[in-house]
Amino acid sequence: MSEQRAYLPDIERGLRFLPEQASRFAGDLDIFYLVMVVVCGLLTILVFALICYFGYRYRANSHANREHIPSPRTSQRIELGVLTIMFVVFMGLFAWSSDLYLGQYRGPQSAMTINVIGKQWMWKVQHPDGAREINTIHVPVGETIALRVTSEDVIHSFYIPDFRIKRDVLPGAYREVWFEATTPGEYRLFCAEYCGSYHSRMRGKIVAMEQAAYQRWLSRQGQHDTPEVQGARLFSSYGCSGCHIGESSVRAPELAGVYGRPVPLSSGGTVMADDAYLRDSILQPQKHVVAGFNPIMPSFSGQISEDELLQIIAYIKSLQPEESGTTPPDDTTDGEEP
């Protein structure tokens, strides 16, 4: 197969029962789909065959209807046997589908995370090295890729038929979708949720490339500031560093090393400091008030774009305690909320 296969229209490729299997997950999902089709088809044929058979055998005035009356005990054994078989079959399918579902949503450890923002009517992409694309995502073959998707306006849906992945993209929330491309080529990307007048134009493509070709593509993009570097500038320009870093008359929680650990709240509970928590702390600072700090941080809702939020979060995630030379503050001391 050639290094780069252009995605041909369906009329040129001929009719296909299923889209091409171009990701590691696609084959497993197709097998489950075909098994479900076969099982449902056999059950449908069996039910209709029994309806026809018993309808004819025990029709009005038939000899079988008068001669054979099954005992209640025999009828119960047949019913329980059929129910047991059906229960085992469907519980097996349920366990199989649950394993596929959890595997698709959890996924393995990713080699890289790419930010994707849905916006009427385009997909905005930023790579870990800072390179940007519109409606196109270049990825290497054979590596696990995680996409952090969110929406800037309305509900969208990130759908790649050949990879068998589809994820609703919601405003105000981060979702992750992972895949591992197995075959170089270009694969179509759609928005599968009606999102406005030009919904049909919200299309794109995934360009899967061999490692060497991908590295050449990266080199052609030139030098870019990473999201962490851009986030550091935004962190300073929005005045966040005045309270959270260095000496300040306003004491705020230490952010170095906060990501990935539980944060005690003034309400008595705790919350995990993940991407959603950091986003809420910036846009809705009163939602999670850190224990020992006063809720005086202003909201930046409407001032910071989704793109900037992802960069600031990337910067906060990169902070480590040893870099700041400080330790997290005592949560019992009065201060300010993050």
C-alpha atoms as a PDB file:
ATOM      1  CA  MET A   1       0.000   0.000   0.000  1.00  0.00           C
ATOM      2  CA  SER A   2       1.242   3.465  -0.794  1.00  0.00           C
ATOM      3  CA  GLU A   3       2.507   5.737   1.950  1.00  0.00           C
ATOM      4  CA  GLN A   4      -0.323   8.205   1.455  1.00  0.00           C
ATOM      5  CA  ARG A   5      -3.670   7.033   0.137  1.00  0.00           C
ATOM      6  CA  ALA A   6      -6.111   9.735  -0.866  1.00  0.00           C
ATOM      7  CA  TYR A   7      -9.663   9.201   0.309  1.00  0.00           C
ATOM      8  CA  LEU A   8     -11.676   8.373  -2.810  1.00  0.00           C
ATOM      9  CA  PRO A   9     -15.377   9.127  -3.114  1.00  0.00           C
ATOM     10  CA  ASP A  10     -17.658   6.138  -2.519  1.00  0.00           C
ATOM     11  CA  ILE A  11     -18.683   6.017  -6.181  1.00  0.00           C
ATOM     12  CA  GLU A  12     -15.017   5.429  -7.170  1.00  0.00           C
ATOM     13  CA  ARG A  13     -14.335   2.916  -4.417  1.00  0.00           C
ATOM     14  CA  GLY A  14     -17.483   0.916  -5.070  1.00  0.00           C
ATOM     15  CA  LEU A  15     -20.229   0.000  -2.636  1.00  0.00           C
ATOM     16  CA  ARG A  16     -19.035  -1.188   0.762  1.00  0.00           C
ATOM     17  CA  PHE A  17     -21.037  -2.876   3.494  1.00  0.00           C
ATOM     18  CA  LEU A  18     -18.914  -1.166   6.167  1.00  0.00           C
ATOM     19  CA  PRO A  19     -16.409   1.706   6.104  1.00  0.00           C
ATOM     20  CA  GLU A  20     -12.737   0.820   5.965  1.00  0.00           C
ATOM     21  CA  GLN A  21     -11.152  -0.415   9.174  1.00  0.00           C
ATOM     22  CA  ALA A  22      -8.396   2.142   9.745  1.00  0.00           C
ATOM     23  CA  SER A  23      -7.951   2.084  13.530  1.00  0.00           C
ATOM     24  CA  ARG A  24      -7.065  -0.488  16.156  1.00  0.00           C
ATOM     25  CA  PHE A  25     -10.557  -0.316  17.638  1.00  0.00           C
ATOM     26  CA  ALA A  26     -12.486  -0.657  14.356  1.00  0.00           C
ATOM     27  CA  GLY A  27     -12.047  -4.413  13.909  1.00  0.00           C
ATOM     28  CA  ASP A  28     -13.303  -5.292  17.409  1.00  0.00           C
ATOM     29  CA  LEU A  29     -16.369  -3.092  16.992  1.00  0.00           C
ATOM     30  CA  ASP A  30     -17.189  -4.547  13.563  1.00  0.00           C
ATOM     31  CA  ILE A  31     -17.032  -8.113  14.889  1.00  0.00           C
ATOM     32  CA  PHE A  32     -19.442  -7.209  17.692  1.00  0.00           C
ATOM     33  CA  TYR A  33     -21.747  -5.467  15.212  1.00  0.00           C
ATOM     34  CA  LEU A  34     -21.831  -8.488  12.886  1.00  0.00           C
ATOM     35  CA  VAL A  35     -22.487 -10.871  15.801  1.00  0.00           C
ATOM     36  CA  MET A  36     -25.387  -8.672  16.919  1.00  0.00           C
ATOM     37  CA  VAL A  37     -26.819  -8.673  13.391  1.00  0.00           C
ATOM     38  CA  VAL A  38     -26.565 -12.474  13.169  1.00  0.00           C
ATOM     39  CA  VAL A  39     -28.067 -13.068  16.632  1.00  0.00           C
ATOM     40  CA  CYS A  40     -30.948 -10.645  16.056  1.00  0.00           C
ATOM     41  CA  GLY A  41     -31.549 -12.091  12.591  1.00  0.00           C
ATOM     42  CA  LEU A  42     -31.648 -15.689  13.880  1.00  0.00           C
ATOM     43  CA  LEU A  43     -33.986 -14.742  16.723  1.00  0.00           C
ATOM     44  CA  THR A  44     -36.294 -12.911  14.315  1.00  0.00           C
ATOM     45  CA  ILE A  45     -36.416 -15.897  11.960  1.00  0.00           C
ATOM     46  CA  LEU A  46     -37.000 -18.295  14.882  1.00  0.00           C
ATOM     47  CA  VAL A  47     -39.837 -16.224  16.349  1.00  0.00           C
ATOM     48  CA  PHE A  48     -41.633 -15.839  13.022  1.00  0.00           C
ATOM     49  CA  ALA A  49     -41.139 -19.544  12.208  1.00  0.00           C
ATOM     50  CA  LEU A  50     -42.654 -20.570  15.546  1.00  0.00           C
ATOM     51  CA  ILE A  51     -45.562 -18.171  15.053  1.00  0.00           C
ATOM     52  CA  CYS A  52     -46.292 -19.712  11.649  1.00  0.00           C
ATOM     53  CA  TYR A  53     -45.830 -23.280  12.902  1.00  0.00           C
ATOM     54  CA  PHE A  54     -48.012 -23.001  16.000  1.00  0.00           C
ATOM     55  CA  GLY A  55     -50.555 -20.864  14.171  1.00  0.00           C
ATOM     56  CA  TYR A  56     -51.003 -23.620  11.610  1.00  0.00           C
ATOM     57  CA  ARG A  57     -50.721 -26.639  13.976  1.00  0.00           C
ATOM     58  CA  TYR A  58     -53.126 -25.346  16.594  1.00  0.00           C
ATOM     59  CA  ARG A  59     -55.550 -23.616  14.283  1.00  0.00           C
ATOM     60  CA  ALA A  60     -59.257 -23.861  15.022  1.00  0.00           C
ATOM     61  CA  ASN A  61     -60.756 -27.381  14.556  1.00  0.00           C
ATOM     62  CA  SER A  62     -57.300 -29.001  14.072  1.00  0.00           C
ATOM     63  CA  HIS A  63     -56.735 -32.517  15.480  1.00  0.00           C
ATOM     64  CA  ALA A  64     -53.546 -31.415  17.297  1.00  0.00           C
ATOM     65  CA  ASN A  65     -55.497 -28.717  19.111  1.00  0.00           C
ATOM     66  CA  ARG A  66     -57.924 -31.319  20.501  1.00  0.00           C
ATOM     67  CA  GLU A  67     -55.578 -34.258  21.050  1.00  0.00           C
ATOM     68  CA  HIS A  68     -52.543 -32.720  22.815  1.00  0.00           C
ATOM     69  CA  ILE A  69     -52.867 -30.519  25.861  1.00  0.00           C
ATOM     70  CA  PRO A  70     -49.436 -30.056  27.561  1.00  0.00           C
ATOM     71  CA  SER A  71     -49.282 -30.314  31.332  1.00  0.00           C
ATOM     72  CA  PRO A  72     -48.481 -27.141  33.342  1.00  0.00           C
ATOM     73  CA  ARG A  73     -45.238 -28.758  34.593  1.00  0.00           C
ATOM     74  CA  THR A  74     -44.012 -29.422  31.047  1.00  0.00           C
ATOM     75  CA  SER A  75     -44.916 -25.886  29.970  1.00  0.00           C
ATOM     76  CA  GLN A  76     -42.952 -24.388  32.883  1.00  0.00           C
ATOM     77  CA  ARG A  77     -39.831 -26.417  32.052  1.00  0.00           C
ATOM     78  CA  ILE A  78     -39.932 -25.258  28.434  1.00  0.00           C
ATOM     79  CA  GLU A  79     -40.490 -21.615  29.432  1.00  0.00           C
ATOM     80  CA  LEU A  80     -37.729 -21.658  32.041  1.00  0.00           C
ATOM     81  CA  GLY A  81     -35.325 -23.329  29.622  1.00  0.00           C
ATOM     82  CA  VAL A  82     -35.991 -20.746  26.895  1.00  0.00           C
ATOM     83  CA  LEU A  83     -35.686 -17.875  29.380  1.00  0.00           C
ATOM     84  CA  THR A  84     -32.391 -19.242  30.726  1.00  0.00           C
ATOM     85  CA  ILE A  85     -30.886 -19.541  27.252  1.00  0.00           C
ATOM     86  CA  MET A  86     -32.036 -16.025  26.333  1.00  0.00           C
ATOM     87  CA  PHE A  87     -30.676 -14.634  29.611  1.00  0.00           C
ATOM     88  CA  VAL A  88     -27.238 -16.207  29.092  1.00  0.00           C
ATOM     89  CA  VAL A  89     -27.022 -14.999  25.467  1.00  0.00           C
ATOM     90  CA  PHE A  90     -28.023 -11.431  26.189  1.00  0.00           C
ATOM     91  CA  MET A  91     -25.909 -11.121  29.339  1.00  0.00           C
ATOM     92  CA  GLY A  92     -22.940 -12.326  27.308  1.00  0.00           C
ATOM     93  CA  LEU A  93     -23.632  -9.667  24.676  1.00  0.00           C
ATOM     94  CA  PHE A  94     -24.048  -7.074  27.420  1.00  0.00           C
ATOM     95  CA  ALA A  95     -20.696  -7.957  29.001  1.00  0.00           C
ATOM     96  CA  TRP A  96     -18.985  -7.887  25.606  1.00  0.00           C
ATOM     97  CA  SER A  97     -20.474  -4.511  24.660  1.00  0.00           C
ATOM     98  CA  SER A  98     -19.607  -3.049  28.085  1.00  0.00           C
ATOM     99  CA  ASP A  99     -15.985  -4.098  27.663  1.00  0.00           C
ATOM    100  CA  LEU A 100     -15.857  -2.434  24.224  1.00  0.00           C
ATOM    101  CA  TYR A 101     -17.572   0.699  25.534  1.00  0.00           C
ATOM    102  CA  LEU A 102     -15.253   1.119  28.517  1.00  0.00           C
ATOM    103  CA  GLY A 103     -12.218   0.387  26.377  1.00  0.00           C
ATOM    104  CA  GLN A 104     -13.214   3.064  23.891  1.00  0.00           C
ATOM    105  CA  TYR A 105     -13.857   5.715  26.526  1.00  0.00           C
ATOM    106  CA  ARG A 106     -10.920   4.968  28.812  1.00  0.00           C
ATOM    107  CA  GLY A 107      -8.315   3.960  26.309  1.00  0.00           C
ATOM    108  CA  PRO A 108      -4.599   3.301  26.885  1.00  0.00           C
ATOM    109  CA  GLN A 109      -1.965   5.872  27.813  1.00  0.00           C
ATOM    110  CA  SER A 110      -1.705   8.259  24.880  1.00  0.00           C
ATOM    111  CA  ALA A 111       1.516   9.199  23.120  1.00  0.00           C
ATOM    112  CA  MET A 112       0.279  12.734  22.496  1.00  0.00           C
ATOM    113  CA  THR A 113      -2.771  14.874  23.244  1.00  0.00           C
ATOM    114  CA  ILE A 114      -4.187  17.190  20.582  1.00  0.00           C
ATOM    115  CA  ASN A 115      -6.638  19.973  21.407  1.00  0.00           C
ATOM    116  CA  VAL A 116      -9.708  20.204  19.151  1.00  0.00           C
ATOM    117  CA  ILE A 117     -12.303  22.979  19.421  1.00  0.00           C
ATOM    118  CA  GLY A 118     -15.585  22.753  17.544  1.00  0.00           C
ATOM    119  CA  LYS A 119     -16.984  26.033  16.287  1.00  0.00           C
ATOM    120  CA  GLN A 120     -19.700  26.901  13.798  1.00  0.00           C
ATOM    121  CA  TRP A 121     -18.680  25.561  11.334  1.00  0.00           C
ATOM    122  CA  MET A 122     -15.112  24.305  11.626  1.00  0.00           C
ATOM    123  CA  TRP A 123     -12.709  22.238  13.713  1.00  0.00           C
ATOM    124  CA  LYS A 124      -9.786  24.199  15.199  1.00  0.00           C
ATOM    125  CA  VAL A 125      -6.766  22.058  16.072  1.00  0.00           C
ATOM    126  CA  GLN A 126      -3.599  22.668  18.082  1.00  0.00           C
ATOM    127  CA  HIS A 127      -0.805  20.094  18.342  1.00  0.00           C
ATOM    128  CA  PRO A 128       1.417  19.611  21.419  1.00  0.00           C
ATOM    129  CA  ASP A 129       4.258  21.527  19.744  1.00  0.00           C
ATOM    130  CA  GLY A 130       1.961  24.489  19.031  1.00  0.00           C
ATOM    131  CA  ALA A 131       1.271  23.816  15.329  1.00  0.00           C
ATOM    132  CA  ARG A 132      -2.273  24.702  14.314  1.00  0.00           C
ATOM    133  CA  GLU A 133      -4.681  23.390  11.696  1.00  0.00           C
ATOM    134  CA  ILE A 134      -8.248  24.007  10.562  1.00  0.00           C
ATOM    135  CA  ASN A 135     -10.467  21.021   9.642  1.00  0.00           C
ATOM    136  CA  THR A 136      -7.397  18.771   9.298  1.00  0.00           C
ATOM    137  CA  ILE A 137      -5.519  16.669  11.852  1.00  0.00           C
ATOM    138  CA  HIS A 138      -2.179  15.126  10.929  1.00  0.00           C
ATOM    139  CA  VAL A 139      -1.263  12.120  13.086  1.00  0.00           C
ATOM    140  CA  PRO A 140       1.400   9.387  12.982  1.00  0.00           C
ATOM    141  CA  VAL A 141       0.421   5.784  12.340  1.00  0.00           C
ATOM    142  CA  GLY A 142       0.912   3.313  15.178  1.00  0.00           C
ATOM    143  CA  GLU A 143       0.740   5.826  18.049  1.00  0.00           C
ATOM    144  CA  THR A 144      -2.118   6.265  20.493  1.00  0.00           C
ATOM    145  CA  ILE A 145      -3.569   9.737  19.953  1.00  0.00           C
ATOM    146  CA  ALA A 146      -5.840  11.419  22.489  1.00  0.00           C
ATOM    147  CA  LEU A 147      -8.035  14.278  21.324  1.00  0.00           C
ATOM    148  CA  ARG A 148      -9.269  16.714  23.976  1.00  0.00           C
ATOM    149  CA  VAL A 149     -12.455  18.063  22.399  1.00  0.00           C
ATOM    150  CA  THR A 150     -14.706  20.923  23.425  1.00  0.00           C
ATOM    151  CA  SER A 151     -17.097  23.364  21.781  1.00  0.00           C
ATOM    152  CA  GLU A 152     -16.968  27.127  21.572  1.00  0.00           C
ATOM    153  CA  ASP A 153     -20.674  27.627  20.888  1.00  0.00           C
ATOM    154  CA  VAL A 154     -23.226  24.795  20.438  1.00  0.00           C
ATOM    155  CA  ILE A 155     -23.263  20.991  20.654  1.00  0.00           C
ATOM    156  CA  HIS A 156     -21.230  19.298  17.933  1.00  0.00           C
ATOM    157  CA  SER A 157     -20.268  15.658  17.428  1.00  0.00           C
ATOM    158  CA  PHE A 158     -16.805  14.469  16.413  1.00  0.00           C
ATOM    159  CA  TYR A 159     -17.260  11.502  14.043  1.00  0.00           C
ATOM    160  CA  ILE A 160     -14.697   9.519  12.020  1.00  0.00           C
ATOM    161  CA  PRO A 161     -16.475   6.550  10.372  1.00  0.00           C
ATOM    162  CA  ASP A 162     -13.288   4.682   9.366  1.00  0.00           C
ATOM    163  CA  PHE A 163     -11.991   4.824  12.943  1.00  0.00           C
ATOM    164  CA  ARG A 164     -15.400   3.902  14.432  1.00  0.00           C
ATOM    165  CA  ILE A 165     -15.253   6.793  16.883  1.00  0.00           C
ATOM    166  CA  LYS A 166     -17.929   9.345  17.666  1.00  0.00           C
ATOM    167  CA  ARG A 167     -18.003  11.717  20.601  1.00  0.00           C
ATOM    168  CA  ASP A 168     -20.438  14.504  21.405  1.00  0.00           C
ATOM    169  CA  VAL A 169     -18.632  17.830  21.806  1.00  0.00           C
ATOM    170  CA  LEU A 170     -20.262  19.994  24.447  1.00  0.00           C
ATOM    171  CA  PRO A 171     -19.762  23.674  25.253  1.00  0.00           C
ATOM    172  CA  GLY A 172     -18.283  24.173  28.698  1.00  0.00           C
ATOM    173  CA  ALA A 173     -16.936  20.625  29.001  1.00  0.00           C
ATOM    174  CA  TYR A 174     -13.840  18.675  28.020  1.00  0.00           C
ATOM    175  CA  ARG A 175     -14.119  15.206  26.561  1.00  0.00           C
ATOM    176  CA  GLU A 176     -11.404  12.881  25.389  1.00  0.00           C
ATOM    177  CA  VAL A 177     -11.467  10.526  22.440  1.00  0.00           C
ATOM    178  CA  TRP A 178      -8.577   8.249  21.550  1.00  0.00           C
ATOM    179  CA  PHE A 179      -7.591   6.248  18.515  1.00  0.00           C
ATOM    180  CA  GLU A 180      -4.613   4.547  16.917  1.00  0.00           C
ATOM    181  CA  ALA A 181      -4.484   4.801  13.127  1.00  0.00           C
ATOM    182  CA  THR A 182      -3.269   1.586  11.533  1.00  0.00           C
ATOM    183  CA  THR A 183      -3.190   2.512   7.839  1.00  0.00           C
ATOM    184  CA  PRO A 184      -1.714   5.654   6.240  1.00  0.00           C
ATOM    185  CA  GLY A 185      -4.236   7.729   4.338  1.00  0.00           C
ATOM    186  CA  GLU A 186      -6.847  10.455   4.560  1.00  0.00           C
ATOM    187  CA  TYR A 187     -10.057   9.740   6.455  1.00  0.00           C
ATOM    188  CA  ARG A 188     -13.154  11.854   6.548  1.00  0.00           C
ATOM    189  CA  LEU A 189     -14.210  13.781   9.647  1.00  0.00           C
ATOM    190  CA  PHE A 190     -17.819  14.862  10.167  1.00  0.00           C
ATOM    191  CA  CYS A 191     -19.949  16.730  12.646  1.00  0.00           C
ATOM    192  CA  ALA A 192     -22.721  14.237  13.415  1.00  0.00           C
ATOM    193  CA  GLU A 193     -24.929  16.635  15.399  1.00  0.00           C
ATOM    194  CA  TYR A 194     -27.035  19.305  13.695  1.00  0.00           C
ATOM    195  CA  CYS A 195     -25.360  22.554  14.723  1.00  0.00           C
ATOM    196  CA  GLY A 196     -26.868  25.265  12.533  1.00  0.00           C
ATOM    197  CA  SER A 197     -27.512  26.395   8.994  1.00  0.00           C
ATOM    198  CA  TYR A 198     -24.163  25.246   7.591  1.00  0.00           C
ATOM    199  CA  HIS A 199     -23.912  22.011   9.548  1.00  0.00           C
ATOM    200  CA  SER A 200     -23.322  20.046   6.332  1.00  0.00           C
ATOM    201  CA  ARG A 201     -20.177  22.100   5.654  1.00  0.00           C
ATOM    202  CA  MET A 202     -18.557  21.181   8.962  1.00  0.00           C
ATOM    203  CA  ARG A 203     -16.298  18.545   7.484  1.00  0.00           C
ATOM    204  CA  GLY A 204     -12.617  17.759   7.784  1.00  0.00           C
ATOM    205  CA  LYS A 205     -10.097  14.977   7.471  1.00  0.00           C
ATOM    206  CA  ILE A 206      -7.635  12.949   9.478  1.00  0.00           C
ATOM    207  CA  VAL A 207      -4.298  12.513   7.691  1.00  0.00           C
ATOM    208  CA  ALA A 208      -2.552   9.391   9.019  1.00  0.00           C
ATOM    209  CA  MET A 209       1.131   9.281   8.078  1.00  0.00           C
ATOM    210  CA  GLU A 210       4.089   7.010   8.564  1.00  0.00           C
ATOM    211  CA  GLN A 211       6.455   8.208  11.304  1.00  0.00           C
ATOM    212  CA  ALA A 212       9.083   9.525   8.878  1.00  0.00           C
ATOM    213  CA  ALA A 213       6.479  11.380   6.789  1.00  0.00           C
ATOM    214  CA  TYR A 214       4.882  12.795   9.933  1.00  0.00           C
ATOM    215  CA  GLN A 215       8.219  14.115  11.186  1.00  0.00           C
ATOM    216  CA  ARG A 216       8.819  15.761   7.806  1.00  0.00           C
ATOM    217  CA  TRP A 217       5.398  17.382   8.010  1.00  0.00           C
ATOM    218  CA  LEU A 218       6.165  18.684  11.510  1.00  0.00           C
ATOM    219  CA  SER A 219       9.459  20.168  10.359  1.00  0.00           C
ATOM    220  CA  ARG A 220       7.701  22.020   7.555  1.00  0.00           C
ATOM    221  CA  GLN A 221       5.369  23.720  10.056  1.00  0.00           C
ATOM    222  CA  GLY A 222       8.221  25.768  11.503  1.00  0.00           C
ATOM    223  CA  GLN A 223       8.804  26.681  15.119  1.00  0.00           C
ATOM    224  CA  HIS A 224       5.777  27.363  17.328  1.00  0.00           C
ATOM    225  CA  ASP A 225       5.332  28.162  20.973  1.00  0.00           C
ATOM    226  CA  THR A 226       3.872  25.197  22.815  1.00  0.00           C
ATOM    227  CA  PRO A 227       0.499  25.574  24.578  1.00  0.00           C
ATOM    228  CA  GLU A 228       2.395  25.700  27.897  1.00  0.00           C
ATOM    229  CA  VAL A 229       4.490  28.678  26.750  1.00  0.00           C
ATOM    230  CA  GLN A 230       1.470  30.490  25.321  1.00  0.00           C
ATOM    231  CA  GLY A 231      -0.447  29.711  28.521  1.00  0.00           C
ATOM    232  CA  ALA A 232       2.331  31.228  30.657  1.00  0.00           C
ATOM    233  CA  ARG A 233       2.037  34.514  28.748  1.00  0.00           C
ATOM    234  CA  LEU A 234      -1.746  34.504  29.101  1.00  0.00           C
ATOM    235  CA  PHE A 235      -1.458  33.648  32.797  1.00  0.00           C
ATOM    236  CA  SER A 236       0.616  36.753  33.290  1.00  0.00           C
ATOM    237  CA  SER A 237      -1.354  39.057  30.969  1.00  0.00           C
ATOM    238  CA  TYR A 238      -4.655  38.275  32.712  1.00  0.00           C
ATOM    239  CA  GLY A 239      -3.083  39.084  36.076  1.00  0.00           C
ATOM    240  CA  CYS A 240      -3.219  35.534  37.484  1.00  0.00           C
ATOM    241  CA  SER A 241       0.473  35.527  38.404  1.00  0.00           C
ATOM    242  CA  GLY A 242      -0.030  38.516  40.693  1.00  0.00           C
ATOM    243  CA  CYS A 243      -1.860  36.341  43.232  1.00  0.00           C
ATOM    244  CA  HIS A 244      -0.837  32.769  42.511  1.00  0.00           C
ATOM    245  CA  ILE A 245       2.911  33.117  41.934  1.00  0.00           C
ATOM    246  CA  GLY A 246       5.549  34.928  43.944  1.00  0.00           C
ATOM    247  CA  GLU A 247       5.082  37.357  46.804  1.00  0.00           C
ATOM    248  CA  SER A 248       1.736  39.092  46.887  1.00  0.00           C
ATOM    249  CA  SER A 249      -0.423  40.916  49.418  1.00  0.00           C
ATOM    250  CA  VAL A 250      -3.306  38.718  48.246  1.00  0.00           C
ATOM    251  CA  ARG A 251      -2.618  35.098  49.162  1.00  0.00           C
ATOM    252  CA  ALA A 252      -4.021  32.533  46.747  1.00  0.00           C
ATOM    253  CA  PRO A 253      -3.565  28.757  46.557  1.00  0.00           C
ATOM    254  CA  GLU A 254      -0.291  27.442  45.196  1.00  0.00           C
ATOM    255  CA  LEU A 255      -0.859  26.008  41.706  1.00  0.00           C
ATOM    256  CA  ALA A 256       2.423  24.137  41.283  1.00  0.00           C
ATOM    257  CA  GLY A 257       1.678  20.435  41.526  1.00  0.00           C
ATOM    258  CA  VAL A 258      -2.054  20.901  42.080  1.00  0.00           C
ATOM    259  CA  TYR A 259      -3.051  19.050  38.917  1.00  0.00           C
ATOM    260  CA  GLY A 260      -3.999  15.440  39.486  1.00  0.00           C
ATOM    261  CA  ARG A 261      -4.389  15.625  43.263  1.00  0.00           C
ATOM    262  CA  PRO A 262      -7.501  16.024  45.473  1.00  0.00           C
ATOM    263  CA  VAL A 263      -8.277  19.552  46.597  1.00  0.00           C
ATOM    264  CA  PRO A 264     -10.119  20.113  49.914  1.00  0.00           C
ATOM    265  CA  LEU A 265     -13.115  22.439  49.656  1.00  0.00           C
ATOM    266  CA  SER A 266     -14.619  24.851  52.157  1.00  0.00           C
ATOM    267  CA  SER A 267     -17.869  22.854  51.905  1.00  0.00           C
ATOM    268  CA  GLY A 268     -16.108  19.918  53.551  1.00  0.00           C
ATOM    269  CA  GLY A 269     -15.683  17.715  50.486  1.00  0.00           C
ATOM    270  CA  THR A 270     -12.881  17.260  48.010  1.00  0.00           C
ATOM    271  CA  VAL A 271     -12.585  17.517  44.247  1.00  0.00           C
ATOM    272  CA  MET A 272      -9.986  16.093  41.896  1.00  0.00           C
ATOM    273  CA  ALA A 273      -7.924  18.808  40.214  1.00  0.00           C
ATOM    274  CA  ASP A 274      -8.443  17.755  36.596  1.00  0.00           C
ATOM    275  CA  ASP A 275      -8.982  19.807  33.443  1.00  0.00           C
ATOM    276  CA  ALA A 276     -12.656  20.420  34.263  1.00  0.00           C
ATOM    277  CA  TYR A 277     -11.798  21.671  37.765  1.00  0.00           C
ATOM    278  CA  LEU A 278      -9.181  24.104  36.445  1.00  0.00           C
ATOM    279  CA  ARG A 279     -11.639  25.377  33.845  1.00  0.00           C
ATOM    280  CA  ASP A 280     -14.365  25.900  36.448  1.00  0.00           C
ATOM    281  CA  SER A 281     -11.916  27.653  38.781  1.00  0.00           C
ATOM    282  CA  ILE A 282     -11.229  30.220  36.051  1.00  0.00           C
ATOM    283  CA  LEU A 283     -14.778  30.752  34.771  1.00  0.00           C
ATOM    284  CA  GLN A 284     -16.826  29.872  37.890  1.00  0.00           C
ATOM    285  CA  PRO A 285     -14.525  30.476  40.866  1.00  0.00           C
ATOM    286  CA  GLN A 286     -17.414  30.284  43.371  1.00  0.00           C
ATOM    287  CA  LYS A 287     -18.251  26.722  42.331  1.00  0.00           C
ATOM    288  CA  HIS A 288     -15.315  25.089  44.126  1.00  0.00           C
ATOM    289  CA  VAL A 289     -14.043  27.280  46.984  1.00  0.00           C
ATOM    290  CA  VAL A 290     -10.787  25.867  48.344  1.00  0.00           C
ATOM    291  CA  ALA A 291     -10.707  25.256  52.078  1.00  0.00           C
ATOM    292  CA  GLY A 292      -8.940  28.044  53.963  1.00  0.00           C
ATOM    293  CA  PHE A 293      -9.399  30.688  51.247  1.00  0.00           C
ATOM    294  CA  ASN A 294     -11.951  33.435  50.841  1.00  0.00           C
ATOM    295  CA  PRO A 295     -14.088  33.403  47.653  1.00  0.00           C
ATOM    296  CA  ILE A 296     -12.954  36.721  46.194  1.00  0.00           C
ATOM    297  CA  MET A 297     -11.459  35.624  42.868  1.00  0.00           C
ATOM    298  CA  PRO A 298     -13.278  37.315  39.938  1.00  0.00           C
ATOM    299  CA  SER A 299     -14.794  35.295  37.135  1.00  0.00           C
ATOM    300  CA  PHE A 300     -13.154  35.396  33.709  1.00  0.00           C
ATOM    301  CA  SER A 301     -16.242  34.082  31.944  1.00  0.00           C
ATOM    302  CA  GLY A 302     -16.698  35.868  28.628  1.00  0.00           C
ATOM    303  CA  GLN A 303     -13.157  37.262  28.729  1.00  0.00           C
ATOM    304  CA  ILE A 304     -11.122  34.164  27.909  1.00  0.00           C
ATOM    305  CA  SER A 305     -11.733  32.096  24.783  1.00  0.00           C
ATOM    306  CA  GLU A 306     -11.785  28.296  24.748  1.00  0.00           C
ATOM    307  CA  ASP A 307      -8.463  28.301  22.930  1.00  0.00           C
ATOM    308  CA  GLU A 308      -6.867  30.467  25.627  1.00  0.00           C
ATOM    309  CA  LEU A 309      -8.387  28.340  28.382  1.00  0.00           C
ATOM    310  CA  LEU A 310      -6.727  25.227  27.013  1.00  0.00           C
ATOM    311  CA  GLN A 311      -3.381  27.015  26.907  1.00  0.00           C
ATOM    312  CA  ILE A 312      -3.667  28.330  30.472  1.00  0.00           C
ATOM    313  CA  ILE A 313      -4.677  24.875  31.711  1.00  0.00           C
ATOM    314  CA  ALA A 314      -1.707  23.354  29.884  1.00  0.00           C
ATOM    315  CA  TYR A 315       0.580  25.834  31.673  1.00  0.00           C
ATOM    316  CA  ILE A 316      -0.905  25.102  35.103  1.00  0.00           C
ATOM    317  CA  LYS A 317      -0.539  21.360  34.479  1.00  0.00           C
ATOM    318  CA  SER A 318       3.135  21.873  33.668  1.00  0.00           C
ATOM    319  CA  LEU A 319       3.894  23.590  36.994  1.00  0.00           C
ATOM    320  CA  GLN A 320       5.776  21.458  39.491  1.00  0.00           C
ATOM    321  CA  PRO A 321       6.383  22.217  43.201  1.00  0.00           C
ATOM    322  CA  GLU A 322      10.156  22.126  42.862  1.00  0.00           C
ATOM    323  CA  GLU A 323       9.977  24.818  40.184  1.00  0.00           C
ATOM    324  CA  SER A 324       8.253  27.288  42.457  1.00  0.00           C
ATOM    325  CA  GLY A 325      10.362  26.566  45.515  1.00  0.00           C
ATOM    326  CA  THR A 326       7.262  26.550  47.687  1.00  0.00           C
ATOM    327  CA  THR A 327       4.935  23.961  49.167  1.00  0.00           C
ATOM    328  CA  PRO A 328       1.139  23.976  49.032  1.00  0.00           C
ATOM    329  CA  PRO A 329      -0.249  26.324  51.692  1.00  0.00           C
ATOM    330  CA  ASP A 330      -1.827  25.204  54.947  1.00  0.00           C
ATOM    331  CA  ASP A 331      -5.525  24.815  54.144  1.00  0.00           C
ATOM    332  CA  THR A 332      -6.517  25.950  57.639  1.00  0.00           C
ATOM    333  CA  THR A 333      -5.105  29.459  57.205  1.00  0.00           C
ATOM    334  CA  ASP A 334      -7.410  32.210  55.981  1.00  0.00           C
ATOM    335  CA  GLY A 335      -6.586  33.479  52.552  1.00  0.00           C
ATOM    336  CA  GLU A 336      -8.074  33.828  49.106  1.00  0.00           C
ATOM    337  CA  GLU A 337      -9.718  31.339  46.787  1.00  0.00           C
ATOM    338  CA  PRO A 338      -8.005  30.361  43.488  1.00  0.00           C
END
